[in-house]
Structure formats: C-alpha cells, structure tokens
Amino acid sequence: MSRFFNFASKNKIGLDGPDIVPYQSAQMKNTYPFFNRYKGKLDLVAMAVQEPTLTYTNPKTKKAFTQEEFTNFAENDLGANIIFWSTTTPRLKQ
C-alpha cells in the first residue's frame, strides 16, 4: 500500500478511499493510516458518507456520528478535499 500512495503522490494522482467511518477499527488498521501519512501530499482525496454510515455510533460518545464529526475526521485525519454525502443525509433535506 505504501508504494501505491507514494506513486499517487509523486504522479499527482487523486485517490478515493473507503467510506468515512471515524475510528472504524478495520480501517484504522488498513487504509486510514496511509491517508493520514500522506495528508497534504496527495493532490486530491475524495471520500463518501453513505446511507448505512449515517446510522453508525461514535464509540466515544455512544451517539450517532454528527456531520461535524464526519467532516472533521475526513479533513483532519484523512486529508479529504471532497466529501460526497448520501442524498438521505438529513441536512440535505432541509
């Protein structure tokens, strides 16, 4: 995976990743560390918050993740430039 991220960084290739699920243990051990390590070194990082993710619980608060928690994690931890939101996101229905 390091070679892949290094190649993308050197060749100005944008990447997308797994869905944004803050603190998800599987991703914290897999791709998230690479996005964090290459934060600011990739020209573009695009990720999504999809329908099932909207029901996930924050292990720290024991409540559903807020829009701010998704956004902060994506931007600050993963270096996301673009976040795609599911059309069922409550704030999009206002």
PDB file of N, CA and C in Angstrom:
ATOM      1  N   MET A   1       0.823  -1.187   0.000  1.00  0.00           N
ATOM      2  CA  MET A   1       0.000   0.000   0.000  1.00  0.00           C
ATOM      3  C   MET A   1       0.874   1.260   0.000  1.00  0.00           C
ATOM      4  N   SER A   2       2.013   1.208   0.664  1.00  0.00           N
ATOM      5  CA  SER A   2       2.919   2.364   0.684  1.00  0.00           C
ATOM      6  C   SER A   2       3.364   2.749  -0.719  1.00  0.00           C
ATOM      7  N   ARG A   3       3.676   1.760  -1.531  1.00  0.00           N
ATOM      8  CA  ARG A   3       4.109   2.040  -2.910  1.00  0.00           C
ATOM      9  C   ARG A   3       2.997   2.718  -3.698  1.00  0.00           C
ATOM     10  N   PHE A   4       1.772   2.280  -3.486  1.00  0.00           N
ATOM     11  CA  PHE A   4       0.620   2.851  -4.177  1.00  0.00           C
ATOM     12  C   PHE A   4       0.449   4.331  -3.816  1.00  0.00           C
ATOM     13  N   PHE A   5       0.470   4.644  -2.527  1.00  0.00           N
ATOM     14  CA  PHE A   5       0.310   6.031  -2.087  1.00  0.00           C
ATOM     15  C   PHE A   5       1.492   6.881  -2.532  1.00  0.00           C
ATOM     16  N   ASN A   6       2.686   6.340  -2.481  1.00  0.00           N
ATOM     17  CA  ASN A   6       3.866   7.064  -2.929  1.00  0.00           C
ATOM     18  C   ASN A   6       3.776   7.383  -4.420  1.00  0.00           C
ATOM     19  N   PHE A   7       3.353   6.404  -5.211  1.00  0.00           N
ATOM     20  CA  PHE A   7       3.188   6.606  -6.649  1.00  0.00           C
ATOM     21  C   PHE A   7       2.151   7.696  -6.922  1.00  0.00           C
ATOM     22  N   ALA A   8       1.026   7.638  -6.229  1.00  0.00           N
ATOM     23  CA  ALA A   8      -0.029   8.644  -6.409  1.00  0.00           C
ATOM     24  C   ALA A   8       0.488  10.033  -6.052  1.00  0.00           C
ATOM     25  N   SER A   9       1.221  10.126  -4.974  1.00  0.00           N
ATOM     26  CA  SER A   9       1.763  11.409  -4.542  1.00  0.00           C
ATOM     27  C   SER A   9       2.740  11.981  -5.569  1.00  0.00           C
ATOM     28  N   LYS A  10       3.655  11.176  -6.027  1.00  0.00           N
ATOM     29  CA  LYS A  10       4.677  11.640  -6.977  1.00  0.00           C
ATOM     30  C   LYS A  10       4.106  11.967  -8.349  1.00  0.00           C
ATOM     31  N   ASN A  11       3.023  11.312  -8.725  1.00  0.00           N
ATOM     32  CA  ASN A  11       2.451  11.490 -10.061  1.00  0.00           C
ATOM     33  C   ASN A  11       1.174  12.319 -10.079  1.00  0.00           C
ATOM     34  N   LYS A  12       0.901  12.990  -8.968  1.00  0.00           N
ATOM     35  CA  LYS A  12      -0.255  13.891  -8.869  1.00  0.00           C
ATOM     36  C   LYS A  12      -1.564  13.192  -9.215  1.00  0.00           C
ATOM     37  N   ILE A  13      -1.731  11.999  -8.668  1.00  0.00           N
ATOM     38  CA  ILE A  13      -2.940  11.209  -8.888  1.00  0.00           C
ATOM     39  C   ILE A  13      -3.817  11.317  -7.649  1.00  0.00           C
ATOM     40  N   GLY A  14      -5.067  11.694  -7.850  1.00  0.00           N
ATOM     41  CA  GLY A  14      -6.007  11.752  -6.737  1.00  0.00           C
ATOM     42  C   GLY A  14      -6.462  10.360  -6.346  1.00  0.00           C
ATOM     43  N   LEU A  15      -6.874  10.219  -5.101  1.00  0.00           N
ATOM     44  CA  LEU A  15      -7.348   8.934  -4.601  1.00  0.00           C
ATOM     45  C   LEU A  15      -8.705   9.090  -3.928  1.00  0.00           C
ATOM     46  N   ASP A  16      -9.454   8.007  -3.953  1.00  0.00           N
ATOM     47  CA  ASP A  16     -10.639   7.950  -3.112  1.00  0.00           C
ATOM     48  C   ASP A  16     -10.392   6.826  -2.131  1.00  0.00           C
ATOM     49  N   GLY A  17     -11.235   6.736  -1.161  1.00  0.00           N
ATOM     50  CA  GLY A  17     -10.978   5.732  -0.145  1.00  0.00           C
ATOM     51  C   GLY A  17     -12.235   5.010   0.268  1.00  0.00           C
ATOM     52  N   PRO A  18     -12.112   4.301   1.349  1.00  0.00           N
ATOM     53  CA  PRO A  18     -13.298   3.650   1.890  1.00  0.00           C
ATOM     54  C   PRO A  18     -14.250   4.715   2.411  1.00  0.00           C
ATOM     55  N   ASP A  19     -15.464   4.320   2.694  1.00  0.00           N
ATOM     56  CA  ASP A  19     -16.415   5.264   3.285  1.00  0.00           C
ATOM     57  C   ASP A  19     -15.825   5.865   4.557  1.00  0.00           C
ATOM     58  N   ILE A  20     -16.256   7.072   4.850  1.00  0.00           N
ATOM     59  CA  ILE A  20     -15.793   7.746   6.055  1.00  0.00           C
ATOM     60  C   ILE A  20     -16.566   7.183   7.248  1.00  0.00           C
ATOM     61  N   VAL A  21     -15.864   6.456   8.090  1.00  0.00           N
ATOM     62  CA  VAL A  21     -16.428   5.956   9.347  1.00  0.00           C
ATOM     63  C   VAL A  21     -15.360   6.208  10.408  1.00  0.00           C
ATOM     64  N   PRO A  22     -15.471   7.335  11.119  1.00  0.00           N
ATOM     65  CA  PRO A  22     -14.442   7.657  12.104  1.00  0.00           C
ATOM     66  C   PRO A  22     -14.186   6.516  13.083  1.00  0.00           C
ATOM     67  N   TYR A  23     -12.917   6.253  13.297  1.00  0.00           N
ATOM     68  CA  TYR A  23     -12.443   5.292  14.299  1.00  0.00           C
ATOM     69  C   TYR A  23     -12.823   3.842  14.018  1.00  0.00           C
ATOM     70  N   GLN A  24     -13.283   3.518  12.805  1.00  0.00           N
ATOM     71  CA  GLN A  24     -13.634   2.130  12.489  1.00  0.00           C
ATOM     72  C   GLN A  24     -12.364   1.289  12.558  1.00  0.00           C
ATOM     73  N   SER A  25     -12.384   0.290  13.428  1.00  0.00           N
ATOM     74  CA  SER A  25     -11.153  -0.454  13.718  1.00  0.00           C
ATOM     75  C   SER A  25     -10.530  -1.094  12.478  1.00  0.00           C
ATOM     76  N   ALA A  26     -11.339  -1.662  11.607  1.00  0.00           N
ATOM     77  CA  ALA A  26     -10.777  -2.310  10.414  1.00  0.00           C
ATOM     78  C   ALA A  26     -10.015  -1.312   9.549  1.00  0.00           C
ATOM     79  N   GLN A  27     -10.580  -0.135   9.345  1.00  0.00           N
ATOM     80  CA  GLN A  27      -9.917   0.864   8.504  1.00  0.00           C
ATOM     81  C   GLN A  27      -8.765   1.557   9.233  1.00  0.00           C
ATOM     82  N   MET A  28      -8.867   1.652  10.557  1.00  0.00           N
ATOM     83  CA  MET A  28      -7.778   2.259  11.328  1.00  0.00           C
ATOM     84  C   MET A  28      -6.519   1.390  11.238  1.00  0.00           C
ATOM     85  N   LYS A  29      -6.701   0.113  10.918  1.00  0.00           N
ATOM     86  CA  LYS A  29      -5.569  -0.801  10.771  1.00  0.00           C
ATOM     87  C   LYS A  29      -5.205  -1.025   9.304  1.00  0.00           C
ATOM     88  N   ASN A  30      -5.982  -0.441   8.389  1.00  0.00           N
ATOM     89  CA  ASN A  30      -5.800  -0.731   6.972  1.00  0.00           C
ATOM     90  C   ASN A  30      -5.438   0.542   6.208  1.00  0.00           C
ATOM     91  N   THR A  31      -6.408   1.174   5.578  1.00  0.00           N
ATOM     92  CA  THR A  31      -6.110   2.307   4.687  1.00  0.00           C
ATOM     93  C   THR A  31      -6.019   3.660   5.382  1.00  0.00           C
ATOM     94  N   TYR A  32      -6.751   3.862   6.472  1.00  0.00           N
ATOM     95  CA  TYR A  32      -6.741   5.177   7.113  1.00  0.00           C
ATOM     96  C   TYR A  32      -5.337   5.658   7.492  1.00  0.00           C
ATOM     97  N   PRO A  33      -4.456   4.811   8.017  1.00  0.00           N
ATOM     98  CA  PRO A  33      -3.109   5.304   8.339  1.00  0.00           C
ATOM     99  C   PRO A  33      -2.348   5.837   7.123  1.00  0.00           C
ATOM    100  N   PHE A  34      -2.597   5.264   5.964  1.00  0.00           N
ATOM    101  CA  PHE A  34      -1.922   5.742   4.756  1.00  0.00           C
ATOM    102  C   PHE A  34      -2.460   7.103   4.336  1.00  0.00           C
ATOM    103  N   PHE A  35      -3.778   7.274   4.405  1.00  0.00           N
ATOM    104  CA  PHE A  35      -4.335   8.586   4.087  1.00  0.00           C
ATOM    105  C   PHE A  35      -3.803   9.630   5.068  1.00  0.00           C
ATOM    106  N   ASN A  36      -3.689   9.262   6.326  1.00  0.00           N
ATOM    107  CA  ASN A  36      -3.168  10.191   7.324  1.00  0.00           C
ATOM    108  C   ASN A  36      -1.707  10.530   7.037  1.00  0.00           C
ATOM    109  N   ARG A  37      -0.914   9.539   6.735  1.00  0.00           N
ATOM    110  CA  ARG A  37       0.509   9.737   6.466  1.00  0.00           C
ATOM    111  C   ARG A  37       0.733  10.616   5.230  1.00  0.00           C
ATOM    112  N   TYR A  38      -0.145  10.505   4.249  1.00  0.00           N
ATOM    113  CA  TYR A  38       0.009  11.262   3.001  1.00  0.00           C
ATOM    114  C   TYR A  38      -0.883  12.507   2.956  1.00  0.00           C
ATOM    115  N   LYS A  39      -1.440  12.871   4.096  1.00  0.00           N
ATOM    116  CA  LYS A  39      -2.281  14.075   4.170  1.00  0.00           C
ATOM    117  C   LYS A  39      -1.459  15.283   3.719  1.00  0.00           C
ATOM    118  N   GLY A  40      -2.005  16.040   2.768  1.00  0.00           N
ATOM    119  CA  GLY A  40      -1.308  17.198   2.237  1.00  0.00           C
ATOM    120  C   GLY A  40      -0.317  16.876   1.129  1.00  0.00           C
ATOM    121  N   LYS A  41      -0.088  15.597   0.862  1.00  0.00           N
ATOM    122  CA  LYS A  41       0.855  15.192  -0.184  1.00  0.00           C
ATOM    123  C   LYS A  41       0.152  14.679  -1.433  1.00  0.00           C
ATOM    124  N   LEU A  42      -1.154  14.459  -1.329  1.00  0.00           N
ATOM    125  CA  LEU A  42      -1.943  13.993  -2.475  1.00  0.00           C
ATOM    126  C   LEU A  42      -2.717  15.177  -3.038  1.00  0.00           C
ATOM    127  N   ASP A  43      -2.782  15.285  -4.351  1.00  0.00           N
ATOM    128  CA  ASP A  43      -3.473  16.413  -4.970  1.00  0.00           C
ATOM    129  C   ASP A  43      -4.965  16.417  -4.681  1.00  0.00           C
ATOM    130  N   LEU A  44      -5.547  15.232  -4.566  1.00  0.00           N
ATOM    131  CA  LEU A  44      -6.988  15.135  -4.333  1.00  0.00           C
ATOM    132  C   LEU A  44      -7.295  13.873  -3.546  1.00  0.00           C
ATOM    133  N   VAL A  45      -8.118  14.026  -2.525  1.00  0.00           N
ATOM    134  CA  VAL A  45      -8.640  12.879  -1.775  1.00  0.00           C
ATOM    135  C   VAL A  45     -10.147  13.079  -1.672  1.00  0.00           C
ATOM    136  N   ALA A  46     -10.894  12.154  -2.239  1.00  0.00           N
ATOM    137  CA  ALA A  46     -12.358  12.216  -2.216  1.00  0.00           C
ATOM    138  C   ALA A  46     -12.886  10.977  -1.502  1.00  0.00           C
ATOM    139  N   MET A  47     -13.824  11.199  -0.599  1.00  0.00           N
ATOM    140  CA  MET A  47     -14.411  10.090   0.163  1.00  0.00           C
ATOM    141  C   MET A  47     -15.901  10.343   0.329  1.00  0.00           C
ATOM    142  N   ALA A  48     -16.605   9.326   0.808  1.00  0.00           N
ATOM    143  CA  ALA A  48     -18.064   9.426   0.896  1.00  0.00           C
ATOM    144  C   ALA A  48     -18.591   9.045   2.276  1.00  0.00           C
ATOM    145  N   VAL A  49     -19.749   9.636   2.581  1.00  0.00           N
ATOM    146  CA  VAL A  49     -20.571   9.216   3.718  1.00  0.00           C
ATOM    147  C   VAL A  49     -21.849   8.695   3.089  1.00  0.00           C
ATOM    148  N   GLN A  50     -22.076   7.395   3.186  1.00  0.00           N
ATOM    149  CA  GLN A  50     -23.234   6.788   2.540  1.00  0.00           C
ATOM    150  C   GLN A  50     -24.293   6.393   3.565  1.00  0.00           C
ATOM    151  N   GLU A  51     -25.442   5.974   3.052  1.00  0.00           N
ATOM    152  CA  GLU A  51     -26.601   5.713   3.902  1.00  0.00           C
ATOM    153  C   GLU A  51     -26.331   4.858   5.135  1.00  0.00           C
ATOM    154  N   PRO A  52     -25.750   3.685   5.011  1.00  0.00           N
ATOM    155  CA  PRO A  52     -25.566   2.879   6.227  1.00  0.00           C
ATOM    156  C   PRO A  52     -24.707   3.588   7.275  1.00  0.00           C
ATOM    157  N   THR A  53     -23.731   4.348   6.797  1.00  0.00           N
ATOM    158  CA  THR A  53     -22.814   5.034   7.704  1.00  0.00           C
ATOM    159  C   THR A  53     -23.535   6.047   8.581  1.00  0.00           C
ATOM    160  N   LEU A  54     -24.628   6.599   8.083  1.00  0.00           N
ATOM    161  CA  LEU A  54     -25.370   7.604   8.846  1.00  0.00           C
ATOM    162  C   LEU A  54     -25.974   7.033  10.124  1.00  0.00           C
ATOM    163  N   THR A  55     -26.064   5.719  10.222  1.00  0.00           N
ATOM    164  CA  THR A  55     -26.644   5.085  11.411  1.00  0.00           C
ATOM    165  C   THR A  55     -25.578   4.607  12.393  1.00  0.00           C
ATOM    166  N   TYR A  56     -24.315   4.733  12.046  1.00  0.00           N
ATOM    167  CA  TYR A  56     -23.244   4.218  12.898  1.00  0.00           C
ATOM    168  C   TYR A  56     -23.080   5.067  14.153  1.00  0.00           C
ATOM    169  N   THR A  57     -22.635   4.423  15.207  1.00  0.00           N
ATOM    170  CA  THR A  57     -22.474   5.077  16.503  1.00  0.00           C
ATOM    171  C   THR A  57     -21.008   5.416  16.755  1.00  0.00           C
ATOM    172  N   ASN A  58     -20.791   6.615  17.246  1.00  0.00           N
ATOM    173  CA  ASN A  58     -19.457   7.043  17.632  1.00  0.00           C
ATOM    174  C   ASN A  58     -19.082   6.286  18.908  1.00  0.00           C
ATOM    175  N   PRO A  59     -18.008   5.511  18.887  1.00  0.00           N
ATOM    176  CA  PRO A  59     -17.646   4.737  20.076  1.00  0.00           C
ATOM    177  C   PRO A  59     -17.263   5.611  21.273  1.00  0.00           C
ATOM    178  N   LYS A  60     -16.897   6.856  21.000  1.00  0.00           N
ATOM    179  CA  LYS A  60     -16.505   7.761  22.084  1.00  0.00           C
ATOM    180  C   LYS A  60     -17.709   8.395  22.775  1.00  0.00           C
ATOM    181  N   THR A  61     -18.762   8.716  21.998  1.00  0.00           N
ATOM    182  CA  THR A  61     -19.932   9.402  22.567  1.00  0.00           C
ATOM    183  C   THR A  61     -21.129   8.481  22.758  1.00  0.00           C
ATOM    184  N   LYS A  62     -21.102   7.330  22.122  1.00  0.00           N
ATOM    185  CA  LYS A  62     -22.215   6.362  22.134  1.00  0.00           C
ATOM    186  C   LYS A  62     -23.471   6.924  21.454  1.00  0.00           C
ATOM    187  N   LYS A  63     -23.291   7.947  20.617  1.00  0.00           N
ATOM    188  CA  LYS A  63     -24.382   8.554  19.849  1.00  0.00           C
ATOM    189  C   LYS A  63     -24.029   8.467  18.370  1.00  0.00           C
ATOM    190  N   ALA A  64     -25.032   8.665  17.524  1.00  0.00           N
ATOM    191  CA  ALA A  64     -24.774   8.672  16.079  1.00  0.00           C
ATOM    192  C   ALA A  64     -23.761   9.770  15.753  1.00  0.00           C
ATOM    193  N   PHE A  65     -22.905   9.486  14.778  1.00  0.00           N
ATOM    194  CA  PHE A  65     -21.941  10.493  14.350  1.00  0.00           C
ATOM    195  C   PHE A  65     -22.676  11.725  13.839  1.00  0.00           C
ATOM    196  N   THR A  66     -22.132  12.890  14.122  1.00  0.00           N
ATOM    197  CA  THR A  66     -22.690  14.136  13.609  1.00  0.00           C
ATOM    198  C   THR A  66     -21.987  14.490  12.298  1.00  0.00           C
ATOM    199  N   GLN A  67     -22.585  15.413  11.571  1.00  0.00           N
ATOM    200  CA  GLN A  67     -21.962  15.891  10.336  1.00  0.00           C
ATOM    201  C   GLN A  67     -20.578  16.455  10.643  1.00  0.00           C
ATOM    202  N   GLU A  68     -20.472  17.194  11.718  1.00  0.00           N
ATOM    203  CA  GLU A  68     -19.193  17.790  12.093  1.00  0.00           C
ATOM    204  C   GLU A  68     -18.137  16.717  12.392  1.00  0.00           C
ATOM    205  N   GLU A  69     -18.537  15.630  13.048  1.00  0.00           N
ATOM    206  CA  GLU A  69     -17.584  14.553  13.348  1.00  0.00           C
ATOM    207  C   GLU A  69     -17.091  13.877  12.068  1.00  0.00           C
ATOM    208  N   PHE A  70     -18.016  13.617  11.137  1.00  0.00           N
ATOM    209  CA  PHE A  70     -17.609  13.040   9.849  1.00  0.00           C
ATOM    210  C   PHE A  70     -16.636  13.975   9.133  1.00  0.00           C
ATOM    211  N   THR A  71     -17.010  15.247   9.056  1.00  0.00           N
ATOM    212  CA  THR A  71     -16.208  16.232   8.329  1.00  0.00           C
ATOM    213  C   THR A  71     -14.835  16.419   8.967  1.00  0.00           C
ATOM    214  N   ASN A  72     -14.804  16.592  10.283  1.00  0.00           N
ATOM    215  CA  ASN A  72     -13.520  16.783  10.970  1.00  0.00           C
ATOM    216  C   ASN A  72     -12.589  15.595  10.778  1.00  0.00           C
ATOM    217  N   PHE A  73     -13.131  14.393  10.912  1.00  0.00           N
ATOM    218  CA  PHE A  73     -12.303  13.197  10.748  1.00  0.00           C
ATOM    219  C   PHE A  73     -11.775  13.106   9.314  1.00  0.00           C
ATOM    220  N   ALA A  74     -12.667  13.323   8.350  1.00  0.00           N
ATOM    221  CA  ALA A  74     -12.269  13.218   6.943  1.00  0.00           C
ATOM    222  C   ALA A  74     -11.194  14.240   6.583  1.00  0.00           C
ATOM    223  N   GLU A  75     -11.392  15.475   6.999  1.00  0.00           N
ATOM    224  CA  GLU A  75     -10.447  16.531   6.636  1.00  0.00           C
ATOM    225  C   GLU A  75      -9.167  16.476   7.466  1.00  0.00           C
ATOM    226  N   ASN A  76      -9.311  16.361   8.780  1.00  0.00           N
ATOM    227  CA  ASN A  76      -8.156  16.471   9.672  1.00  0.00           C
ATOM    228  C   ASN A  76      -7.346  15.186   9.804  1.00  0.00           C
ATOM    229  N   ASP A  77      -8.016  14.043   9.782  1.00  0.00           N
ATOM    230  CA  ASP A  77      -7.298  12.777   9.946  1.00  0.00           C
ATOM    231  C   ASP A  77      -6.925  12.134   8.608  1.00  0.00           C
ATOM    232  N   LEU A  78      -7.807  12.281   7.624  1.00  0.00           N
ATOM    233  CA  LEU A  78      -7.601  11.585   6.352  1.00  0.00           C
ATOM    234  C   LEU A  78      -7.162  12.500   5.211  1.00  0.00           C
ATOM    235  N   GLY A  79      -7.253  13.807   5.400  1.00  0.00           N
ATOM    236  CA  GLY A  79      -6.838  14.738   4.360  1.00  0.00           C
ATOM    237  C   GLY A  79      -7.796  14.851   3.191  1.00  0.00           C
ATOM    238  N   ALA A  80      -9.076  14.554   3.423  1.00  0.00           N
ATOM    239  CA  ALA A  80     -10.065  14.613   2.338  1.00  0.00           C
ATOM    240  C   ALA A  80     -10.293  16.052   1.882  1.00  0.00           C
ATOM    241  N   ASN A  81     -10.321  16.238   0.562  1.00  0.00           N
ATOM    242  CA  ASN A  81     -10.636  17.530  -0.044  1.00  0.00           C
ATOM    243  C   ASN A  81     -12.104  17.604  -0.433  1.00  0.00           C
ATOM    244  N   ILE A  82     -12.667  16.455  -0.767  1.00  0.00           N
ATOM    245  CA  ILE A  82     -14.056  16.372  -1.222  1.00  0.00           C
ATOM    246  C   ILE A  82     -14.754  15.278  -0.432  1.00  0.00           C
ATOM    247  N   ILE A  83     -15.965  15.598   0.046  1.00  0.00           N
ATOM    248  CA  ILE A  83     -16.785  14.602   0.732  1.00  0.00           C
ATOM    249  C   ILE A  83     -18.100  14.489  -0.029  1.00  0.00           C
ATOM    250  N   PHE A  84     -18.411  13.284  -0.461  1.00  0.00           N
ATOM    251  CA  PHE A  84     -19.695  13.010  -1.096  1.00  0.00           C
ATOM    252  C   PHE A  84     -20.651  12.537  -0.005  1.00  0.00           C
ATOM    253  N   TRP A  85     -21.851  13.138   0.025  1.00  0.00           N
ATOM    254  CA  TRP A  85     -22.846  12.795   1.043  1.00  0.00           C
ATOM    255  C   TRP A  85     -23.999  12.046   0.405  1.00  0.00           C
ATOM    256  N   SER A  86     -24.500  11.050   1.111  1.00  0.00           N
ATOM    257  CA  SER A  86     -25.696  10.331   0.678  1.00  0.00           C
ATOM    258  C   SER A  86     -26.849  11.321   0.572  1.00  0.00           C
ATOM    259  N   THR A  87     -27.715  11.114  -0.402  1.00  0.00           N
ATOM    260  CA  THR A  87     -28.862  12.017  -0.559  1.00  0.00           C
ATOM    261  C   THR A  87     -29.850  11.891   0.586  1.00  0.00           C
ATOM    262  N   THR A  88     -29.723  10.872   1.416  1.00  0.00           N
ATOM    263  CA  THR A  88     -30.620  10.742   2.566  1.00  0.00           C
ATOM    264  C   THR A  88     -30.079  11.453   3.799  1.00  0.00           C
ATOM    265  N   THR A  89     -28.947  12.122   3.670  1.00  0.00           N
ATOM    266  CA  THR A  89     -28.395  12.870   4.791  1.00  0.00           C
ATOM    267  C   THR A  89     -29.418  13.908   5.232  1.00  0.00           C
ATOM    268  N   PRO A  90     -29.797  13.911   6.519  1.00  0.00           N
ATOM    269  CA  PRO A  90     -30.848  14.824   6.990  1.00  0.00           C
ATOM    270  C   PRO A  90     -30.625  16.281   6.617  1.00  0.00           C
ATOM    271  N   ARG A  91     -29.410  16.770   6.694  1.00  0.00           N
ATOM    272  CA  ARG A  91     -29.182  18.193   6.394  1.00  0.00           C
ATOM    273  C   ARG A  91     -29.447  18.531   4.932  1.00  0.00           C
ATOM    274  N   LEU A  92     -29.399  17.552   4.050  1.00  0.00           N
ATOM    275  CA  LEU A  92     -29.658  17.812   2.636  1.00  0.00           C
ATOM    276  C   LEU A  92     -31.151  17.889   2.334  1.00  0.00           C
ATOM    277  N   LYS A  93     -31.974  17.482   3.278  1.00  0.00           N
ATOM    278  CA  LYS A  93     -33.423  17.502   3.068  1.00  0.00           C
ATOM    279  C   LYS A  93     -34.059  18.779   3.584  1.00  0.00           C
ATOM    280  N   GLN A  94     -33.272  19.662   4.167  1.00  0.00           N
ATOM    281  CA  GLN A  94     -33.811  20.905   4.730  1.00  0.00           C
ATOM    282  C   GLN A  94     -34.113  21.908   3.644  1.00  0.00           C
TER     283      GLN A  94
END
